[in-house]
Protein backbone atom coordinates (compact mmCIF):
# COMPACT_ATOMS: atom_id res chain seq x y z
CA MET A 1 -5.45 -16.55 12.07
CA ASP A 2 -6.52 -20.20 11.79
CA ARG A 3 -9.63 -21.28 13.63
CA LYS A 4 -8.73 -24.02 16.09
CA VAL A 5 -11.20 -23.74 19.00
CA ILE A 6 -15.01 -23.91 18.76
CA ILE A 7 -17.06 -22.66 21.70
CA ILE A 8 -20.69 -23.74 21.96
CA GLY A 9 -22.69 -21.11 23.84
CA SER A 10 -22.33 -17.32 24.12
CA GLY A 11 -23.16 -16.92 27.80
CA PRO A 12 -20.64 -15.71 30.39
CA ALA A 13 -18.70 -19.00 30.34
CA GLY A 14 -18.47 -19.04 26.55
CA LEU A 15 -17.41 -15.38 26.36
CA ALA A 16 -14.71 -15.85 29.00
CA ALA A 17 -13.45 -18.93 27.18
CA ALA A 18 -13.20 -16.90 23.98
CA VAL A 19 -11.01 -14.30 25.71
CA SER A 20 -8.59 -16.98 26.90
CA VAL A 21 -8.46 -18.57 23.45
CA ARG A 22 -7.66 -15.23 21.82
CA ARG A 23 -4.99 -14.44 24.41
CA ALA A 24 -3.32 -17.71 23.47
CA GLY A 25 -3.11 -16.54 19.87
CA LEU A 26 -5.93 -18.68 18.47
CA HIS A 27 -9.19 -17.75 16.81
CA PRO A 28 -12.36 -18.46 18.84
CA LEU A 29 -15.55 -19.31 17.01
CA ILE A 30 -18.71 -19.10 19.13
CA LEU A 31 -21.79 -21.03 18.01
CA GLU A 32 -25.05 -19.78 19.50
CA ARG A 33 -28.41 -21.48 18.83
CA MET A 34 -30.41 -18.37 19.81
CA PRO A 35 -31.04 -15.54 17.31
CA ASP A 36 -28.81 -13.22 19.36
CA HIS A 37 -25.77 -13.71 21.55
CA SER A 38 -25.28 -13.26 25.31
CA MET A 39 -29.03 -13.27 26.03
CA LYS A 40 -28.82 -14.84 29.51
CA LEU A 41 -26.00 -12.50 30.47
CA LEU A 42 -27.92 -9.47 29.24
CA ALA A 43 -31.00 -10.53 31.24
CA SER A 44 -29.11 -11.31 34.45
CA GLY A 45 -29.73 -9.18 37.51
CA GLY A 46 -32.65 -7.48 35.84
CA GLY A 47 -30.31 -6.28 33.11
CA ARG A 48 -27.72 -5.03 35.61
CA CYS A 49 -25.55 -8.19 35.88
CA ASN A 50 -24.45 -9.06 39.42
CA PHE A 51 -21.26 -10.72 38.19
CA SER A 52 -19.45 -11.47 41.47
CA ASN A 53 -19.30 -10.84 45.21
CA ARG A 54 -16.82 -10.44 48.08
CA GLU A 55 -17.10 -14.01 49.42
CA ASP A 56 -13.73 -15.57 50.23
CA PRO A 57 -12.87 -18.62 48.08
CA GLU A 58 -13.46 -21.27 50.76
CA SER A 59 -16.87 -19.87 51.73
CA PHE A 60 -17.65 -19.38 48.04
CA MET A 61 -17.10 -23.06 47.31
CA ARG A 62 -19.13 -24.16 50.34
CA LYS A 63 -22.12 -22.27 48.95
CA PHE A 64 -22.16 -24.80 46.08
CA GLY A 65 -22.58 -27.75 48.46
CA ARG A 66 -20.72 -31.03 48.39
CA ASN A 67 -19.48 -30.47 44.82
CA GLY A 68 -17.99 -27.05 45.58
CA GLN A 69 -14.38 -28.23 45.95
CA PHE A 70 -14.40 -29.07 42.24
CA MET A 71 -14.17 -25.32 41.57
CA ARG A 72 -10.84 -24.76 43.34
CA ASP A 73 -8.57 -24.83 40.28
CA ALA A 74 -10.81 -22.56 38.22
CA LEU A 75 -11.13 -20.04 41.06
CA ARG A 76 -7.37 -20.04 41.53
CA PHE A 77 -6.78 -19.55 37.80
CA ALA A 78 -9.31 -16.72 37.44
CA PRO A 79 -10.38 -15.42 40.87
CA ARG A 80 -12.61 -12.44 41.50
CA GLU A 81 -9.64 -10.05 41.31
CA PHE A 82 -8.77 -11.41 37.87
CA LEU A 83 -12.29 -10.68 36.67
CA LEU A 84 -12.31 -7.19 38.19
CA ASP A 85 -8.96 -6.34 36.60
CA PHE A 86 -10.14 -7.66 33.25
CA LEU A 87 -13.27 -5.51 33.29
CA ARG A 88 -11.30 -2.43 34.29
CA SER A 89 -8.90 -3.06 31.42
CA GLU A 90 -11.94 -2.90 29.14
CA GLN A 91 -13.17 0.36 30.75
CA VAL A 92 -15.95 -1.31 32.71
CA GLU A 93 -15.71 -0.06 36.28
CA PRO A 94 -17.00 -2.51 38.93
CA GLU A 95 -19.23 -1.13 41.65
CA LEU A 96 -19.69 -2.72 45.08
CA THR A 97 -23.27 -2.73 46.38
CA ASP A 98 -24.22 -3.40 50.01
CA ASP A 99 -20.50 -3.98 50.61
CA PHE A 100 -20.83 -7.43 48.99
CA TYR A 101 -22.28 -7.59 45.44
CA TYR A 102 -20.41 -6.51 42.32
CA PHE A 103 -22.23 -4.84 39.42
CA PRO A 104 -20.95 -2.72 36.53
CA ALA A 105 -21.03 0.91 37.70
CA SER A 106 -23.06 1.77 34.60
CA GLY A 107 -25.80 -0.62 35.73
CA LYS A 108 -25.76 -2.20 32.28
CA ALA A 109 -25.15 -5.90 31.68
CA ARG A 110 -24.45 -5.07 28.05
CA ASP A 111 -21.26 -3.27 29.07
CA VAL A 112 -19.98 -6.54 30.58
CA ALA A 113 -20.90 -8.50 27.46
CA ASN A 114 -19.28 -5.91 25.20
CA ALA A 115 -16.06 -6.05 27.22
CA PHE A 116 -15.72 -9.76 26.56
CA LEU A 117 -16.70 -9.46 22.92
CA HIS A 118 -14.11 -6.74 22.36
CA ALA A 119 -11.32 -8.58 24.16
CA SER A 120 -11.99 -11.90 22.44
CA GLY A 121 -12.53 -10.63 18.93
CA ALA A 122 -14.58 -13.79 18.54
CA GLU A 123 -16.53 -14.70 15.46
CA ILE A 124 -20.08 -15.36 16.63
CA ARG A 125 -22.53 -17.29 14.51
CA THR A 126 -26.05 -16.95 15.93
CA GLY A 127 -28.99 -19.14 15.00
CA MET A 128 -26.52 -22.01 14.62
CA GLU A 129 -27.38 -25.13 16.59
CA ALA A 130 -24.73 -27.79 17.01
CA VAL A 131 -26.25 -31.26 16.85
CA SER A 132 -23.18 -33.37 17.52
CA ILE A 133 -19.52 -33.15 18.44
CA GLY A 134 -17.37 -35.05 16.00
CA ILE A 135 -15.22 -37.70 17.67
CA SER A 136 -12.65 -39.84 15.91
CA ALA A 137 -10.50 -42.39 17.74
CA GLY A 138 -11.52 -40.84 21.08
CA LYS A 139 -10.55 -37.33 19.98
CA VAL A 140 -12.57 -34.26 18.99
CA ASP A 141 -12.40 -33.42 15.32
CA GLY A 142 -15.17 -30.84 14.96
CA VAL A 143 -18.84 -29.99 15.25
CA THR A 144 -21.82 -30.81 13.03
CA LEU A 145 -24.54 -28.15 12.71
CA ALA A 146 -28.27 -28.69 12.26
CA ASP A 147 -28.03 -27.83 8.55
CA GLY A 148 -25.44 -30.57 8.06
CA GLU A 149 -22.38 -28.31 7.88
CA PHE A 150 -19.29 -29.75 9.56
CA LEU A 151 -16.78 -27.41 11.20
CA SER A 152 -13.41 -28.95 11.92
CA SER A 153 -11.61 -28.23 15.17
CA GLU A 154 -9.21 -30.03 17.48
CA ALA A 155 -10.82 -28.56 20.61
CA VAL A 156 -14.43 -27.85 21.54
CA ILE A 157 -15.63 -26.03 24.66
CA LEU A 158 -19.17 -26.90 25.68
CA ALA A 159 -20.52 -23.83 27.51
CA ALA A 160 -24.15 -24.06 26.40
CA GLY A 161 -25.70 -23.61 29.85
CA GLY A 162 -28.66 -25.58 31.11
CA THR A 163 -32.43 -25.89 31.03
CA ALA A 164 -33.32 -23.12 33.49
CA TRP A 165 -34.96 -19.82 32.57
CA ALA A 166 -37.97 -20.04 30.23
CA GLY A 167 -37.20 -18.95 26.70
CA LEU A 168 -33.45 -18.87 27.27
CA GLY A 169 -32.52 -22.27 28.68
CA SER A 170 -32.31 -25.45 26.64
CA GLU A 171 -31.32 -29.12 26.80
CA ALA A 172 -29.23 -28.70 23.65
CA GLY A 173 -25.90 -28.57 25.48
CA LEU A 174 -26.77 -31.50 27.73
CA ASN A 175 -27.77 -33.53 24.68
CA LEU A 176 -24.42 -32.80 23.04
CA ALA A 177 -22.59 -33.95 26.15
CA ARG A 178 -24.75 -37.08 26.37
CA ARG A 179 -24.07 -37.96 22.73
CA ALA A 180 -20.36 -37.55 23.43
CA GLY A 181 -20.69 -40.28 26.07
CA HIS A 182 -21.02 -38.18 29.22
CA THR A 183 -23.36 -38.94 32.11
CA ILE A 184 -25.97 -36.27 32.82
CA VAL A 185 -27.14 -35.75 36.39
CA SER A 186 -30.89 -35.06 36.21
CA PRO A 187 -31.55 -31.32 35.82
CA LEU A 188 -33.40 -29.72 38.74
CA PRO A 189 -34.38 -26.12 39.46
CA ALA A 190 -32.04 -24.01 41.59
CA VAL A 191 -32.46 -20.35 42.50
CA ALA A 192 -36.21 -20.85 42.18
CA PRO A 193 -39.40 -20.43 44.25
CA LEU A 194 -40.35 -23.10 46.79
CA ASN A 195 -43.73 -24.84 46.53
CA LEU A 196 -45.33 -25.82 49.83
CA LYS A 197 -47.76 -28.51 50.96
CA GLU A 198 -49.42 -26.21 53.51
CA GLU A 199 -52.30 -24.04 52.34
CA TRP A 200 -52.05 -21.11 54.76
CA PRO A 201 -48.93 -19.51 53.19
CA LYS A 202 -50.76 -19.31 49.87
CA ARG A 203 -53.42 -17.09 51.50
CA LEU A 204 -50.67 -14.52 52.03
CA ALA A 205 -49.61 -14.22 48.37
CA GLY A 206 -47.90 -10.86 47.88
CA VAL A 207 -47.00 -10.38 51.55
CA THR A 208 -43.31 -9.67 52.21
CA LEU A 209 -41.30 -10.28 55.38
CA PRO A 210 -38.27 -7.92 55.43
CA ASN A 211 -36.05 -10.12 57.60
CA ALA A 212 -37.16 -13.73 57.80
CA LYS A 213 -35.06 -16.86 58.32
CA LEU A 214 -35.42 -20.25 56.64
CA ARG A 215 -33.78 -23.43 57.84
CA LEU A 216 -33.73 -26.45 55.54
CA LYS A 217 -33.02 -29.84 57.06
CA ALA A 218 -30.07 -31.19 55.06
CA GLY A 219 -28.09 -34.03 56.57
CA ARG A 220 -25.97 -33.28 59.63
CA GLU A 221 -25.81 -29.54 59.06
CA PRO A 222 -28.98 -27.66 58.06
CA GLN A 223 -28.82 -24.91 55.45
CA VAL A 224 -29.88 -21.53 56.85
CA THR A 225 -30.71 -18.40 54.86
CA GLN A 226 -31.99 -14.99 55.90
CA GLY A 227 -33.43 -11.92 54.20
CA SER A 228 -36.52 -10.56 52.49
CA LEU A 229 -39.07 -13.35 51.97
CA LEU A 230 -42.12 -13.21 49.68
CA PHE A 231 -45.25 -15.34 50.00
CA THR A 232 -46.58 -16.55 46.64
CA HIS A 233 -49.66 -18.39 45.38
CA ASP A 234 -47.63 -21.62 45.57
CA GLY A 235 -45.37 -21.05 48.55
CA LEU A 236 -42.29 -18.87 49.05
CA SER A 237 -39.93 -16.74 46.99
CA GLY A 238 -37.33 -14.05 47.71
CA PHE A 239 -33.61 -14.58 48.35
CA PRO A 240 -33.95 -16.95 51.35
CA ALA A 241 -36.22 -19.31 49.40
CA LEU A 242 -34.28 -19.05 46.13
CA ASP A 243 -31.02 -19.90 47.87
CA LEU A 244 -32.42 -23.17 49.24
CA ALA A 245 -34.18 -24.29 46.07
CA GLY A 246 -31.43 -26.52 44.66
CA GLU A 247 -31.04 -28.62 47.79
CA ALA A 248 -34.79 -28.67 48.42
CA ALA A 249 -35.46 -29.84 44.85
CA ALA A 250 -32.92 -32.65 45.23
CA GLN A 251 -34.53 -33.81 48.47
CA CYS A 252 -38.00 -33.67 46.96
CA GLU A 253 -36.89 -35.77 43.99
CA LYS A 254 -35.30 -38.34 46.30
CA GLN A 255 -37.80 -38.54 49.16
CA GLY A 256 -40.91 -36.66 48.01
CA SER A 257 -40.58 -33.61 50.25
CA ALA A 258 -38.15 -31.47 52.23
CA GLU A 259 -38.50 -30.15 55.78
CA LEU A 260 -38.33 -26.37 56.18
CA THR A 261 -38.56 -24.13 59.23
CA LEU A 262 -39.71 -20.53 58.91
CA THR A 263 -38.83 -17.85 61.47
CA VAL A 264 -40.81 -14.75 60.57
CA ARG A 265 -38.50 -12.36 62.42
CA ALA A 266 -34.86 -13.41 62.26
CA ASP A 267 -33.99 -10.79 64.89
CA LEU A 268 -36.39 -12.18 67.50
CA CYS A 269 -36.10 -15.49 69.40
CA ALA A 270 -38.52 -17.34 71.68
CA SER A 271 -37.50 -15.36 74.78
CA ASP A 272 -38.08 -12.09 72.90
CA TRP A 273 -41.60 -13.13 71.98
CA GLN A 274 -42.19 -14.16 75.59
CA LYS A 275 -41.22 -10.66 76.76
CA ILE A 276 -43.38 -9.01 74.10
CA LEU A 277 -46.46 -10.96 75.18
CA ASP A 278 -45.74 -10.36 78.89
CA GLN A 279 -45.38 -6.63 78.36
CA ALA A 280 -48.57 -6.52 76.30
CA ARG A 281 -50.46 -8.35 79.06
CA GLN A 282 -49.36 -5.70 81.55
CA SER A 283 -49.69 -2.57 79.41
CA SER A 284 -52.57 -3.39 77.04
CA GLY A 285 -54.32 -6.48 78.33
CA SER A 286 -57.54 -5.57 76.52
CA SER A 287 -55.83 -5.72 73.12
CA LEU A 288 -56.27 -8.79 70.99
CA VAL A 289 -53.18 -10.96 70.64
CA ARG A 290 -53.29 -10.57 66.86
CA THR A 291 -53.30 -6.79 67.27
CA VAL A 292 -50.16 -6.96 69.39
CA LEU A 293 -48.44 -9.19 66.83
CA SER A 294 -49.39 -6.79 64.04
CA ASP A 295 -46.82 -4.36 65.43
CA PHE A 296 -44.12 -6.90 64.49
CA MET A 297 -45.41 -8.40 61.25
CA PRO A 298 -48.07 -7.89 58.55
CA LYS A 299 -51.62 -8.01 59.94
CA SER A 300 -52.60 -10.92 57.69
CA LEU A 301 -49.72 -13.02 59.00
CA ALA A 302 -50.56 -12.14 62.61
CA GLU A 303 -54.06 -13.45 61.95
CA VAL A 304 -52.66 -16.71 60.55
CA PHE A 305 -50.48 -17.29 63.60
CA THR A 306 -53.27 -16.64 66.05
CA ASP A 307 -55.57 -18.89 64.01
CA LEU A 308 -53.04 -21.72 64.14
CA SER A 309 -52.55 -21.33 67.89
CA GLY A 310 -56.28 -21.00 68.59
CA CYS A 311 -56.27 -17.42 69.91
CA ARG A 312 -57.51 -15.27 67.03
CA GLU A 313 -60.12 -13.42 69.12
CA VAL A 314 -58.35 -13.73 72.47
CA LYS A 315 -57.17 -10.73 74.46
CA THR A 316 -53.62 -10.70 75.81
CA ALA A 317 -54.85 -10.50 79.40
CA VAL A 318 -56.63 -13.85 79.16
CA LEU A 319 -54.23 -15.72 76.86
CA SER A 320 -53.76 -19.19 78.36
CA ALA A 321 -50.30 -20.57 79.13
CA ALA A 322 -50.80 -23.42 76.65
CA ALA A 323 -51.88 -21.08 73.82
CA ARG A 324 -49.03 -18.72 74.65
CA GLN A 325 -46.43 -21.47 74.39
CA GLN A 326 -47.94 -22.78 71.16
CA LEU A 327 -47.88 -19.28 69.68
CA ILE A 328 -44.27 -18.69 70.72
CA ARG A 329 -43.20 -22.03 69.22
CA LEU A 330 -44.77 -21.07 65.90
CA LEU A 331 -43.22 -17.60 65.93
CA ASP A 332 -39.80 -19.00 66.75
CA GLY A 333 -39.92 -21.66 64.03
CA MET A 334 -42.90 -22.76 61.94
CA LYS A 335 -42.49 -26.19 60.30
CA LEU A 336 -43.31 -26.36 56.59
CA ASN A 337 -43.11 -29.07 53.95
CA VAL A 338 -41.59 -28.30 50.55
CA THR A 339 -43.12 -30.41 47.79
CA SER A 340 -41.01 -29.06 44.93
CA ALA A 341 -39.07 -26.07 43.65
CA GLY A 342 -39.39 -24.22 40.40
CA PRO A 343 -40.45 -25.39 37.89
CA LEU A 344 -37.29 -25.16 35.81
CA ALA A 345 -38.93 -22.56 33.60
CA LYS A 346 -39.08 -20.26 36.66
CA ALA A 347 -35.59 -21.11 37.89
CA MET A 348 -32.64 -18.83 37.22
CA VAL A 349 -30.09 -21.64 37.51
CA MET A 350 -30.07 -25.37 36.83
CA ARG A 351 -28.83 -27.91 39.35
CA GLY A 352 -27.50 -31.08 37.71
CA GLY A 353 -25.78 -31.42 34.38
CA VAL A 354 -22.56 -33.07 33.22
CA SER A 355 -21.26 -35.39 35.94
CA LEU A 356 -18.15 -33.93 37.61
CA LYS A 357 -16.67 -37.43 37.89
CA GLU A 358 -16.07 -37.34 34.13
CA VAL A 359 -14.37 -33.92 34.05
CA ASP A 360 -10.84 -33.06 35.22
CA PRO A 361 -11.10 -30.03 37.56
CA ALA A 362 -7.48 -29.03 36.84
CA ASP A 363 -8.24 -27.99 33.26
CA LEU A 364 -11.99 -28.75 32.83
CA SER A 365 -11.24 -31.33 30.16
CA SER A 366 -13.37 -34.37 29.50
CA ARG A 367 -11.97 -37.59 30.95
CA LEU A 368 -13.71 -39.44 28.12
CA VAL A 369 -12.96 -37.44 24.96
CA ASP A 370 -9.62 -35.82 24.14
CA GLY A 371 -10.09 -32.18 23.16
CA LEU A 372 -13.50 -31.66 24.78
CA TYR A 373 -13.85 -29.07 27.58
CA PHE A 374 -16.69 -27.81 29.75
CA ALA A 375 -17.50 -24.49 31.44
CA GLY A 376 -20.31 -22.87 33.39
CA GLU A 377 -23.82 -24.00 34.20
CA ILE A 378 -23.68 -27.15 32.06
CA LEU A 379 -21.60 -28.76 34.82
CA ASP A 380 -23.28 -30.22 37.90
CA LEU A 381 -22.69 -27.16 40.09
CA ALA A 382 -25.23 -24.61 41.31
CA GLY A 383 -24.83 -21.87 43.87
CA PRO A 384 -27.18 -19.30 45.42
CA CYS A 385 -28.09 -15.96 43.89
CA GLY A 386 -25.80 -13.02 44.48
CA GLY A 387 -23.07 -13.33 41.86
CA TYR A 388 -21.98 -16.88 42.72
CA ASN A 389 -23.07 -18.62 39.53
CA MET A 390 -21.89 -15.77 37.33
CA GLN A 391 -18.41 -15.74 38.90
CA TRP A 392 -18.19 -19.51 38.47
CA ALA A 393 -19.20 -19.18 34.82
CA PHE A 394 -16.49 -16.59 34.15
CA SER A 395 -13.77 -18.43 36.12
CA SER A 396 -14.52 -21.78 34.52
CA GLY A 397 -14.73 -20.17 31.09
CA PHE A 398 -11.32 -18.54 31.45
CA LEU A 399 -9.78 -21.86 32.54
CA ALA A 400 -11.50 -23.98 29.88
CA GLY A 401 -10.48 -21.55 27.14
CA HIS A 402 -6.89 -21.50 28.34
CA SER A 403 -6.79 -25.30 28.52
CA ALA A 404 -8.36 -25.78 25.10
CA ALA A 405 -5.88 -23.33 23.58
CA ILE A 406 -2.92 -25.19 25.09
CA HIS A 407 -4.35 -28.43 23.70
CA SER A 408 -4.80 -26.92 20.24
CA ASN A 409 -1.36 -25.34 20.22
CA SER A 410 0.22 -28.65 21.15
CA LYS A 411 -1.59 -30.32 18.25
CA LEU A 412 -0.38 -27.62 15.89
CA LYS A 413 3.20 -28.07 17.01
CA GLY A 414 2.87 -31.82 16.62
CA LYS A 415 1.67 -31.45 13.04
CA SER A 416 4.42 -29.01 12.11
CA SER A 417 7.28 -31.05 13.58
């Protein structure tokens, strides 16, 4: 079988592209700069690989922000059901966790990788870094490797990922796209910890809030996340913080900071806290306010809130109206200032990448170079954690591989006629 499609990158997008290329009757060659293939995929989800979720397509796209609509064609071509059926056909049984997240039932990311490798039959050359994409008369004609070897091909799929994840991410793919004439939107960390200006959260490093809520000011409609939140030495981590990192990082780059509101108990509002304090005044007026709050949050956090509202050593029976209202305001929504997210080395996903304006969403082809296609994280799209980015990588890979194969087959027919 003649080699006609080169895929740069062996992550989920590259592997999915290889399956589509093989199904079209062509031979996929995967070039991977790392010493082994599929390393990001194998590390995802702590080695378990949360590859998708039950989000409906419209909500799924909204989770990627203003660029989300770009994904429509890829999600239609290879939706979640397509991915689930594919894995089952390769004897990898999907398992639904918390009625939302999909993992392989075996709990092994390697089973997912092996399914794609088996179905694609791809030739994988590891330790091979592509340094440029050959372009002649506006058309792809191959790839040049770091050792000077030139590999001819009429279609190239750039699925080399981004700069996130220390030791696994790289600018190599972005550099290839840039050399091919594409605009690169500045890479920023997404799915990453949030760094705060305030000092008091850093005193709580290691403390976890089981059900906190974060609200990030973002234009007309704020972004709101909820779940288990972790205080760190620099600020906040855990799913609620990670999910807001991309937008927060973009705001910080543009205006220097981002405005965040923390609600320590998502299940309690201002009126609930009012009742709690009123009941404590009546039933245990001699108890310190911070002692009462400790029944609803970690003791160290209760001390912080009473410090900030000036009632650390005050008993509930003598808590002034002004201090009470200040305390309730803080409990209902504490204002924080995000100074940055990440850094990229700590991020699981990159925001930014190849500008979507220069890529056709219908087939993920370059609008600038005939025969060049893109898939996965290298494109300027980033979603929250929970299977969103992995599903996008697989869906875009399937579509890019299919499109590149059609392109290559048409070239073959043209040469033979």
